[in-house]
Amino acid sequence: MNEYIVYSIIFIYGVLIGSFLNVCIYRIPDESSVVTGRSHCMNCNAQIKWYDLIPLFSYIFLLGKCRKCKAKISIQYPIIEALNGLLYVLVFYLFGWSYSNEIALSSVYCLVISALIVLSVIDFRTNTIPVGINIFIMIMGLCAVLLQYFWYGKNTDIVIEHVIGFFVISVFLLLIFYATHGRGIGGGDIKLMAAAGLLLGWELVILAFFVGCILAAIIHPIRMRISHLNRILAFGPYLSVGITIALLFGKQMVDWYLQKFLI
C-alpha cells in the first residue's frame, strides 16, 4: 500500500481518537461516563447533532461556534484532535508499520501518547492526575515489554531494564514525597514515573524525568510572570512532554550524548 495512504489513514484514526480524548478530558474529572451520554454545548446545554461532531471539520464549518447559541467552542477541541493525529503519524513513521510486531508496538505507543495528552490537560486544570490514567499507561508499558521480549527472542535483559525503570525515578520521588510530607511532589507524579519507567526502561525514564524538570524550570516561571498568578506547579504536563520526547527520540539522544561526551 502507498505510504501516503497509510499515513493518511493513521492521521484520520488519530484525529478520531483525539475527539474521544476531549470527551475524557471533560468527563473524567467530573467522574462522568466517557462512553455514555450525549455531547452537549457547555453554554446552552443543547445536545450536539452527529454532523456537528465530525473531528476538525465541524469546528471549521461552524466557525468555532455553537450552532444554536453561537457561543464560542474551545479551540482545545481541534488542537487536541490534530495533535493526536500528527503524533500518531510520527509514531508509526519512527517505529514502523510494515510488520505485525511494528504495528503492535506503534499502536501501544500511540495509546500511551493519547493517555499523556488527557493526563496533561486534566492535571493542568485540576492539579490532579487520575489514577486510572496511570494504571492504563502501566498496562501499556507491560504490553510494550512483552512485545519486545518476544520480538527479541525472549531476551530477559529487556525485562530487567524495564523493571529497573519502574523503580529508578519513582522511588526517588517517593523519598521526596515522604521527606516533604507530600509538599515536594504529588502522588500522581510518582505513579506516572513508575508507569513511564516500565514503558521506557531505566535509561529513557531518567532522560524523560530530566527533560520534564528542565521544561518545568524554564516554562513555569515564564507562565507565572505573564499570568501574574502564584499558581501551584502542575508537574504532570512537563513530565508527559519529557516522556513523549524520550519515547520518540530518547535512544537517539542517549546515543548522541554517549558519543559526544563519553566515547
C-alpha atoms as a PDB file:
ATOM      1  CA  MET A   1       0.000   0.000   0.000  1.00  0.00           C
ATOM      2  CA  ASN A   2       1.205   3.520  -0.782  1.00  0.00           C
ATOM      3  CA  GLU A   3       2.813   5.063   2.298  1.00  0.00           C
ATOM      4  CA  TYR A   4       0.929   8.336   1.869  1.00  0.00           C
ATOM      5  CA  ILE A   5      -2.357   6.452   2.012  1.00  0.00           C
ATOM      6  CA  VAL A   6      -1.188   4.597   5.115  1.00  0.00           C
ATOM      7  CA  TYR A   7      -0.172   7.791   6.902  1.00  0.00           C
ATOM      8  CA  SER A   8      -3.438   9.455   5.888  1.00  0.00           C
ATOM      9  CA  ILE A   9      -5.384   6.571   7.434  1.00  0.00           C
ATOM     10  CA  ILE A  10      -3.247   6.748  10.569  1.00  0.00           C
ATOM     11  CA  PHE A  11      -3.834  10.500  10.824  1.00  0.00           C
ATOM     12  CA  ILE A  12      -7.601  10.112  10.455  1.00  0.00           C
ATOM     13  CA  TYR A  13      -7.588   7.360  13.076  1.00  0.00           C
ATOM     14  CA  GLY A  14      -5.564   9.591  15.400  1.00  0.00           C
ATOM     15  CA  VAL A  15      -7.948  12.507  14.884  1.00  0.00           C
ATOM     16  CA  LEU A  16     -10.946  10.304  15.704  1.00  0.00           C
ATOM     17  CA  ILE A  17      -9.243   9.120  18.892  1.00  0.00           C
ATOM     18  CA  GLY A  18      -8.389  12.756  19.603  1.00  0.00           C
ATOM     19  CA  SER A  19     -12.094  13.589  19.547  1.00  0.00           C
ATOM     20  CA  PHE A  20     -12.660  10.922  22.199  1.00  0.00           C
ATOM     21  CA  LEU A  21      -9.786  12.384  24.243  1.00  0.00           C
ATOM     22  CA  ASN A  22     -11.669  15.671  24.504  1.00  0.00           C
ATOM     23  CA  VAL A  23     -14.596  13.773  25.972  1.00  0.00           C
ATOM     24  CA  CYS A  24     -12.267  12.136  28.501  1.00  0.00           C
ATOM     25  CA  ILE A  25     -10.704  15.477  29.447  1.00  0.00           C
ATOM     26  CA  TYR A  26     -14.059  16.983  30.381  1.00  0.00           C
ATOM     27  CA  ARG A  27     -15.794  13.959  31.874  1.00  0.00           C
ATOM     28  CA  ILE A  28     -13.089  12.144  33.877  1.00  0.00           C
ATOM     29  CA  PRO A  29     -12.642  14.938  36.478  1.00  0.00           C
ATOM     30  CA  ASP A  30     -16.431  15.021  36.961  1.00  0.00           C
ATOM     31  CA  GLU A  31     -16.467  11.229  37.285  1.00  0.00           C
ATOM     32  CA  SER A  32     -18.946  11.089  34.415  1.00  0.00           C
ATOM     33  CA  SER A  33     -19.114   8.197  31.984  1.00  0.00           C
ATOM     34  CA  VAL A  34     -16.885   8.758  28.957  1.00  0.00           C
ATOM     35  CA  VAL A  35     -18.767   6.249  26.806  1.00  0.00           C
ATOM     36  CA  THR A  36     -22.411   7.122  27.516  1.00  0.00           C
ATOM     37  CA  GLY A  37     -24.350  10.359  27.439  1.00  0.00           C
ATOM     38  CA  ARG A  38     -24.793  12.735  24.513  1.00  0.00           C
ATOM     39  CA  SER A  39     -22.358  15.555  23.878  1.00  0.00           C
ATOM     40  CA  HIS A  40     -23.810  18.978  24.579  1.00  0.00           C
ATOM     41  CA  CYS A  41     -22.912  22.653  24.384  1.00  0.00           C
ATOM     42  CA  MET A  42     -21.145  23.818  27.540  1.00  0.00           C
ATOM     43  CA  ASN A  43     -23.019  27.145  27.334  1.00  0.00           C
ATOM     44  CA  CYS A  44     -26.642  26.417  26.359  1.00  0.00           C
ATOM     45  CA  ASN A  45     -26.627  22.674  27.171  1.00  0.00           C
ATOM     46  CA  ALA A  46     -28.188  21.827  23.785  1.00  0.00           C
ATOM     47  CA  GLN A  47     -27.396  18.346  22.523  1.00  0.00           C
ATOM     48  CA  ILE A  48     -24.952  18.376  19.633  1.00  0.00           C
ATOM     49  CA  LYS A  49     -26.066  16.665  16.433  1.00  0.00           C
ATOM     50  CA  TRP A  50     -23.875  13.943  14.948  1.00  0.00           C
ATOM     51  CA  TYR A  51     -22.969  16.072  11.931  1.00  0.00           C
ATOM     52  CA  ASP A  52     -21.559  18.720  14.279  1.00  0.00           C
ATOM     53  CA  LEU A  53     -19.263  16.162  15.901  1.00  0.00           C
ATOM     54  CA  ILE A  54     -17.043  15.429  12.898  1.00  0.00           C
ATOM     55  CA  PRO A  55     -13.480  15.969  14.185  1.00  0.00           C
ATOM     56  CA  LEU A  56     -11.726  19.096  12.854  1.00  0.00           C
ATOM     57  CA  PHE A  57     -14.225  19.724  10.043  1.00  0.00           C
ATOM     58  CA  SER A  58     -17.215  20.547  12.259  1.00  0.00           C
ATOM     59  CA  TYR A  59     -15.200  23.161  14.138  1.00  0.00           C
ATOM     60  CA  ILE A  60     -14.161  24.767  10.845  1.00  0.00           C
ATOM     61  CA  PHE A  61     -17.647  24.653   9.307  1.00  0.00           C
ATOM     62  CA  LEU A  62     -19.240  26.087  12.456  1.00  0.00           C
ATOM     63  CA  LEU A  63     -16.533  28.791  12.642  1.00  0.00           C
ATOM     64  CA  GLY A  64     -15.786  27.680  16.174  1.00  0.00           C
ATOM     65  CA  LYS A  65     -19.292  28.488  17.463  1.00  0.00           C
ATOM     66  CA  CYS A  66     -22.268  26.519  18.754  1.00  0.00           C
ATOM     67  CA  ARG A  67     -24.901  26.100  16.042  1.00  0.00           C
ATOM     68  CA  LYS A  68     -27.716  27.054  18.441  1.00  0.00           C
ATOM     69  CA  CYS A  69     -26.458  29.743  20.846  1.00  0.00           C
ATOM     70  CA  LYS A  70     -23.391  30.903  18.864  1.00  0.00           C
ATOM     71  CA  ALA A  71     -21.168  30.644  21.938  1.00  0.00           C
ATOM     72  CA  LYS A  72     -17.511  30.095  21.141  1.00  0.00           C
ATOM     73  CA  ILE A  73     -16.313  26.499  21.149  1.00  0.00           C
ATOM     74  CA  SER A  74     -12.979  25.976  22.865  1.00  0.00           C
ATOM     75  CA  ILE A  75     -10.023  25.871  20.492  1.00  0.00           C
ATOM     76  CA  GLN A  76      -8.864  22.920  22.586  1.00  0.00           C
ATOM     77  CA  TYR A  77     -11.085  20.568  20.582  1.00  0.00           C
ATOM     78  CA  PRO A  78      -9.399  20.878  17.168  1.00  0.00           C
ATOM     79  CA  ILE A  79      -5.943  21.292  18.726  1.00  0.00           C
ATOM     80  CA  ILE A  80      -6.196  18.010  20.643  1.00  0.00           C
ATOM     81  CA  GLU A  81      -7.626  16.217  17.607  1.00  0.00           C
ATOM     82  CA  ALA A  82      -4.952  17.479  15.205  1.00  0.00           C
ATOM     83  CA  LEU A  83      -2.125  16.981  17.708  1.00  0.00           C
ATOM     84  CA  ASN A  84      -3.146  13.401  18.383  1.00  0.00           C
ATOM     85  CA  GLY A  85      -3.373  12.666  14.654  1.00  0.00           C
ATOM     86  CA  LEU A  86       0.046  14.152  13.924  1.00  0.00           C
ATOM     87  CA  LEU A  87       1.679  12.323  16.814  1.00  0.00           C
ATOM     88  CA  TYR A  88       0.176   9.027  15.642  1.00  0.00           C
ATOM     89  CA  VAL A  89       1.720   9.591  12.213  1.00  0.00           C
ATOM     90  CA  LEU A  90       5.078  10.395  13.815  1.00  0.00           C
ATOM     91  CA  VAL A  91       4.979   7.259  15.973  1.00  0.00           C
ATOM     92  CA  PHE A  92       4.288   4.968  13.029  1.00  0.00           C
ATOM     93  CA  TYR A  93       6.910   6.773  10.957  1.00  0.00           C
ATOM     94  CA  LEU A  94       9.557   6.221  13.636  1.00  0.00           C
ATOM     95  CA  PHE A  95       8.634   2.711  14.779  1.00  0.00           C
ATOM     96  CA  GLY A  96       7.270   1.242  11.578  1.00  0.00           C
ATOM     97  CA  TRP A  97       4.094  -0.257  10.157  1.00  0.00           C
ATOM     98  CA  SER A  98       5.424  -2.867   7.731  1.00  0.00           C
ATOM     99  CA  TYR A  99       5.239  -5.892  10.058  1.00  0.00           C
ATOM    100  CA  SER A 100       2.749  -7.040  12.652  1.00  0.00           C
ATOM    101  CA  ASN A 101       5.147  -6.553  15.568  1.00  0.00           C
ATOM    102  CA  GLU A 102       5.897  -2.996  14.435  1.00  0.00           C
ATOM    103  CA  ILE A 103       2.193  -2.222  14.128  1.00  0.00           C
ATOM    104  CA  ALA A 104       1.524  -3.663  17.593  1.00  0.00           C
ATOM    105  CA  LEU A 105       4.311  -1.702  19.286  1.00  0.00           C
ATOM    106  CA  SER A 106       3.470   1.522  17.428  1.00  0.00           C
ATOM    107  CA  SER A 107      -0.185   1.139  18.443  1.00  0.00           C
ATOM    108  CA  VAL A 108       0.792   0.744  22.097  1.00  0.00           C
ATOM    109  CA  TYR A 109       2.943   3.872  21.938  1.00  0.00           C
ATOM    110  CA  CYS A 110       0.114   5.807  20.273  1.00  0.00           C
ATOM    111  CA  LEU A 111      -2.289   4.883  23.062  1.00  0.00           C
ATOM    112  CA  VAL A 112       0.270   5.946  25.661  1.00  0.00           C
ATOM    113  CA  ILE A 113       0.698   9.338  23.992  1.00  0.00           C
ATOM    114  CA  SER A 114      -3.080   9.795  23.905  1.00  0.00           C
ATOM    115  CA  ALA A 115      -3.242   8.991  27.627  1.00  0.00           C
ATOM    116  CA  LEU A 116      -0.472  11.527  28.303  1.00  0.00           C
ATOM    117  CA  ILE A 117      -2.408  14.222  26.455  1.00  0.00           C
ATOM    118  CA  VAL A 118      -5.504  13.604  28.587  1.00  0.00           C
ATOM    119  CA  LEU A 119      -3.413  13.447  31.756  1.00  0.00           C
ATOM    120  CA  SER A 120      -1.637  16.707  30.928  1.00  0.00           C
ATOM    121  CA  VAL A 121      -4.763  18.763  30.344  1.00  0.00           C
ATOM    122  CA  ILE A 122      -6.544  17.379  33.406  1.00  0.00           C
ATOM    123  CA  ASP A 123      -3.525  17.955  35.654  1.00  0.00           C
ATOM    124  CA  PHE A 124      -3.069  21.470  34.261  1.00  0.00           C
ATOM    125  CA  ARG A 125      -6.684  22.307  35.099  1.00  0.00           C
ATOM    126  CA  THR A 126      -7.174  20.458  38.381  1.00  0.00           C
ATOM    127  CA  ASN A 127      -3.671  19.719  39.743  1.00  0.00           C
ATOM    128  CA  THR A 128      -4.635  16.067  39.971  1.00  0.00           C
ATOM    129  CA  ILE A 129      -3.667  13.049  37.903  1.00  0.00           C
ATOM    130  CA  PRO A 130      -6.443  10.430  37.699  1.00  0.00           C
ATOM    131  CA  VAL A 131      -5.113   7.102  38.918  1.00  0.00           C
ATOM    132  CA  GLY A 132      -6.926   5.296  36.125  1.00  0.00           C
ATOM    133  CA  ILE A 133      -4.757   7.005  33.504  1.00  0.00           C
ATOM    134  CA  ASN A 134      -1.582   5.960  35.307  1.00  0.00           C
ATOM    135  CA  ILE A 135      -2.869   2.388  35.502  1.00  0.00           C
ATOM    136  CA  PHE A 136      -3.629   2.473  31.780  1.00  0.00           C
ATOM    137  CA  ILE A 137      -0.097   3.686  30.973  1.00  0.00           C
ATOM    138  CA  MET A 138       1.308   0.961  33.211  1.00  0.00           C
ATOM    139  CA  ILE A 139      -0.705  -1.702  31.375  1.00  0.00           C
ATOM    140  CA  MET A 140       0.513  -0.323  28.038  1.00  0.00           C
ATOM    141  CA  GLY A 141       4.066  -0.406  29.412  1.00  0.00           C
ATOM    142  CA  LEU A 142       3.649  -4.060  30.304  1.00  0.00           C
ATOM    143  CA  CYS A 143       2.348  -4.759  26.793  1.00  0.00           C
ATOM    144  CA  ALA A 144       5.372  -2.983  25.280  1.00  0.00           C
ATOM    145  CA  VAL A 145       7.767  -5.009  27.430  1.00  0.00           C
ATOM    146  CA  LEU A 146       6.131  -8.295  26.441  1.00  0.00           C
ATOM    147  CA  LEU A 147       6.135  -7.370  22.752  1.00  0.00           C
ATOM    148  CA  GLN A 148       9.841  -6.524  22.841  1.00  0.00           C
ATOM    149  CA  TYR A 149      10.633  -9.586  24.960  1.00  0.00           C
ATOM    150  CA  PHE A 150       9.210 -11.951  22.350  1.00  0.00           C
ATOM    151  CA  TRP A 151      10.336  -9.760  19.473  1.00  0.00           C
ATOM    152  CA  TYR A 152      13.988 -10.061  20.506  1.00  0.00           C
ATOM    153  CA  GLY A 153      13.945 -13.793  21.176  1.00  0.00           C
ATOM    154  CA  LYS A 154      12.809 -13.829  24.822  1.00  0.00           C
ATOM    155  CA  ASN A 155      15.656 -11.570  25.936  1.00  0.00           C
ATOM    156  CA  THR A 156      15.385 -11.267  29.735  1.00  0.00           C
ATOM    157  CA  ASP A 157      17.697  -8.226  29.716  1.00  0.00           C
ATOM    158  CA  ILE A 158      14.795  -6.230  28.276  1.00  0.00           C
ATOM    159  CA  VAL A 159      12.536  -7.226  31.172  1.00  0.00           C
ATOM    160  CA  ILE A 160      15.211  -6.352  33.732  1.00  0.00           C
ATOM    161  CA  GLU A 161      15.835  -2.956  32.098  1.00  0.00           C
ATOM    162  CA  HIS A 162      12.166  -2.043  32.273  1.00  0.00           C
ATOM    163  CA  VAL A 163      11.623  -3.396  35.801  1.00  0.00           C
ATOM    164  CA  ILE A 164      14.524  -1.234  36.988  1.00  0.00           C
ATOM    165  CA  GLY A 165      12.924   1.642  35.126  1.00  0.00           C
ATOM    166  CA  PHE A 166       9.752   1.143  37.156  1.00  0.00           C
ATOM    167  CA  PHE A 167      11.660   1.925  40.368  1.00  0.00           C
ATOM    168  CA  VAL A 168      14.568   4.195  39.428  1.00  0.00           C
ATOM    169  CA  ILE A 169      12.706   7.535  39.369  1.00  0.00           C
ATOM    170  CA  SER A 170       9.545   6.623  41.265  1.00  0.00           C
ATOM    171  CA  VAL A 171      11.464   5.549  44.391  1.00  0.00           C
ATOM    172  CA  PHE A 172      13.483   8.776  44.286  1.00  0.00           C
ATOM    173  CA  LEU A 173      10.260  10.798  44.066  1.00  0.00           C
ATOM    174  CA  LEU A 174       8.675   8.709  46.815  1.00  0.00           C
ATOM    175  CA  LEU A 175      11.539   9.649  49.135  1.00  0.00           C
ATOM    176  CA  ILE A 176      10.945  13.318  48.306  1.00  0.00           C
ATOM    177  CA  PHE A 177       7.241  12.823  48.983  1.00  0.00           C
ATOM    178  CA  TYR A 178       7.869  11.476  52.487  1.00  0.00           C
ATOM    179  CA  ALA A 179      10.690  13.906  53.249  1.00  0.00           C
ATOM    180  CA  THR A 180       8.464  16.899  52.422  1.00  0.00           C
ATOM    181  CA  HIS A 181       5.252  15.368  53.809  1.00  0.00           C
ATOM    182  CA  GLY A 182       3.690  15.458  50.352  1.00  0.00           C
ATOM    183  CA  ARG A 183       4.540  19.096  49.599  1.00  0.00           C
ATOM    184  CA  GLY A 184       7.507  18.436  47.306  1.00  0.00           C
ATOM    185  CA  ILE A 185       5.859  16.098  44.805  1.00  0.00           C
ATOM    186  CA  GLY A 186       2.422  14.698  44.165  1.00  0.00           C
ATOM    187  CA  GLY A 187       1.449  11.070  44.437  1.00  0.00           C
ATOM    188  CA  GLY A 188       0.140  11.097  40.878  1.00  0.00           C
ATOM    189  CA  ASP A 189       3.548  12.195  39.590  1.00  0.00           C
ATOM    190  CA  ILE A 190       5.181   9.283  41.404  1.00  0.00           C
ATOM    191  CA  LYS A 191       2.773   6.776  39.876  1.00  0.00           C
ATOM    192  CA  LEU A 192       3.232   8.382  36.458  1.00  0.00           C
ATOM    193  CA  MET A 193       7.008   7.970  36.547  1.00  0.00           C
ATOM    194  CA  ALA A 194       6.658   4.372  37.747  1.00  0.00           C
ATOM    195  CA  ALA A 195       4.390   3.591  34.796  1.00  0.00           C
ATOM    196  CA  ALA A 196       6.678   5.507  32.440  1.00  0.00           C
ATOM    197  CA  GLY A 197       9.690   3.601  33.751  1.00  0.00           C
ATOM    198  CA  LEU A 198       8.026   0.300  32.948  1.00  0.00           C
ATOM    199  CA  LEU A 199       7.277   1.598  29.464  1.00  0.00           C
ATOM    200  CA  LEU A 200      10.644   3.201  28.698  1.00  0.00           C
ATOM    201  CA  GLY A 201      13.255   1.342  30.713  1.00  0.00           C
ATOM    202  CA  TRP A 202      15.679   2.907  33.191  1.00  0.00           C
ATOM    203  CA  GLU A 203      17.822   4.917  30.758  1.00  0.00           C
ATOM    204  CA  LEU A 204      14.973   6.604  28.950  1.00  0.00           C
ATOM    205  CA  VAL A 205      12.880   7.263  32.050  1.00  0.00           C
ATOM    206  CA  ILE A 206      15.811   9.122  33.601  1.00  0.00           C
ATOM    207  CA  LEU A 207      16.054  11.159  30.407  1.00  0.00           C
ATOM    208  CA  ALA A 208      12.293  11.776  30.478  1.00  0.00           C
ATOM    209  CA  PHE A 209      12.467  12.998  34.067  1.00  0.00           C
ATOM    210  CA  PHE A 210      15.326  15.417  33.410  1.00  0.00           C
ATOM    211  CA  VAL A 211      13.648  16.773  30.276  1.00  0.00           C
ATOM    212  CA  GLY A 212      10.452  17.319  32.266  1.00  0.00           C
ATOM    213  CA  CYS A 213      12.361  19.082  35.063  1.00  0.00           C
ATOM    214  CA  ILE A 214      14.183  21.351  32.621  1.00  0.00           C
ATOM    215  CA  LEU A 215      10.961  22.285  30.831  1.00  0.00           C
ATOM    216  CA  ALA A 216       9.222  23.000  34.150  1.00  0.00           C
ATOM    217  CA  ALA A 217      12.148  25.131  35.366  1.00  0.00           C
ATOM    218  CA  ILE A 218      12.079  27.220  32.170  1.00  0.00           C
ATOM    219  CA  ILE A 219       8.409  27.431  31.234  1.00  0.00           C
ATOM    220  CA  HIS A 220       6.626  27.607  34.611  1.00  0.00           C
ATOM    221  CA  PRO A 221       8.296  30.834  35.857  1.00  0.00           C
ATOM    222  CA  ILE A 222       7.597  32.482  32.487  1.00  0.00           C
ATOM    223  CA  ARG A 223       3.937  31.466  32.663  1.00  0.00           C
ATOM    224  CA  MET A 224       3.652  32.781  36.192  1.00  0.00           C
ATOM    225  CA  ARG A 225       5.242  36.095  35.246  1.00  0.00           C
ATOM    226  CA  ILE A 226       2.919  36.515  32.262  1.00  0.00           C
ATOM    227  CA  SER A 227      -0.258  35.466  34.072  1.00  0.00           C
ATOM    228  CA  HIS A 228       0.685  37.244  37.349  1.00  0.00           C
ATOM    229  CA  LEU A 229      -0.616  34.266  39.268  1.00  0.00           C
ATOM    230  CA  ASN A 230       1.109  32.332  42.021  1.00  0.00           C
ATOM    231  CA  ARG A 231      -0.173  29.066  40.616  1.00  0.00           C
ATOM    232  CA  ILE A 232       0.895  25.716  42.055  1.00  0.00           C
ATOM    233  CA  LEU A 233       3.095  23.821  39.631  1.00  0.00           C
ATOM    234  CA  ALA A 234       1.241  21.117  37.743  1.00  0.00           C
ATOM    235  CA  PHE A 235       4.207  18.822  37.072  1.00  0.00           C
ATOM    236  CA  GLY A 236       2.288  16.217  35.071  1.00  0.00           C
ATOM    237  CA  PRO A 237       2.237  18.113  31.742  1.00  0.00           C
ATOM    238  CA  TYR A 238       6.009  18.684  31.841  1.00  0.00           C
ATOM    239  CA  LEU A 239       6.698  15.075  32.768  1.00  0.00           C
ATOM    240  CA  SER A 240       4.352  13.971  29.981  1.00  0.00           C
ATOM    241  CA  VAL A 241       6.276  16.014  27.417  1.00  0.00           C
ATOM    242  CA  GLY A 242       9.516  14.533  28.749  1.00  0.00           C
ATOM    243  CA  ILE A 243       8.089  11.012  28.483  1.00  0.00           C
ATOM    244  CA  THR A 244       6.886  11.655  24.935  1.00  0.00           C
ATOM    245  CA  ILE A 245      10.258  13.062  23.839  1.00  0.00           C
ATOM    246  CA  ALA A 246      12.106  10.141  25.447  1.00  0.00           C
ATOM    247  CA  LEU A 247       9.707   7.674  23.826  1.00  0.00           C
ATOM    248  CA  LEU A 248      10.098   9.147  20.352  1.00  0.00           C
ATOM    249  CA  PHE A 249      13.703  10.307  20.315  1.00  0.00           C
ATOM    250  CA  GLY A 250      15.286   9.019  23.528  1.00  0.00           C
ATOM    251  CA  LYS A 251      17.526   6.353  22.049  1.00  0.00           C
ATOM    252  CA  GLN A 252      18.979   8.793  19.524  1.00  0.00           C
ATOM    253  CA  MET A 253      19.525  11.386  22.269  1.00  0.00           C
ATOM    254  CA  VAL A 254      21.273   8.895  24.553  1.00  0.00           C
ATOM    255  CA  ASP A 255      23.470   7.608  21.708  1.00  0.00           C
ATOM    256  CA  TRP A 256      24.395  11.180  20.747  1.00  0.00           C
ATOM    257  CA  TYR A 257      25.299  12.028  24.339  1.00  0.00           C
ATOM    258  CA  LEU A 258      27.448   8.926  24.774  1.00  0.00           C
ATOM    259  CA  GLN A 259      29.300   9.505  21.509  1.00  0.00           C
ATOM    260  CA  LYS A 260      29.763  13.202  22.179  1.00  0.00           C
ATOM    261  CA  PHE A 261      30.914  13.159  25.763  1.00  0.00           C
ATOM    262  CA  LEU A 262      31.766   9.652  26.939  1.00  0.00           C
ATOM    263  CA  ILE A 263      33.217   7.751  23.985  1.00  0.00           C
END
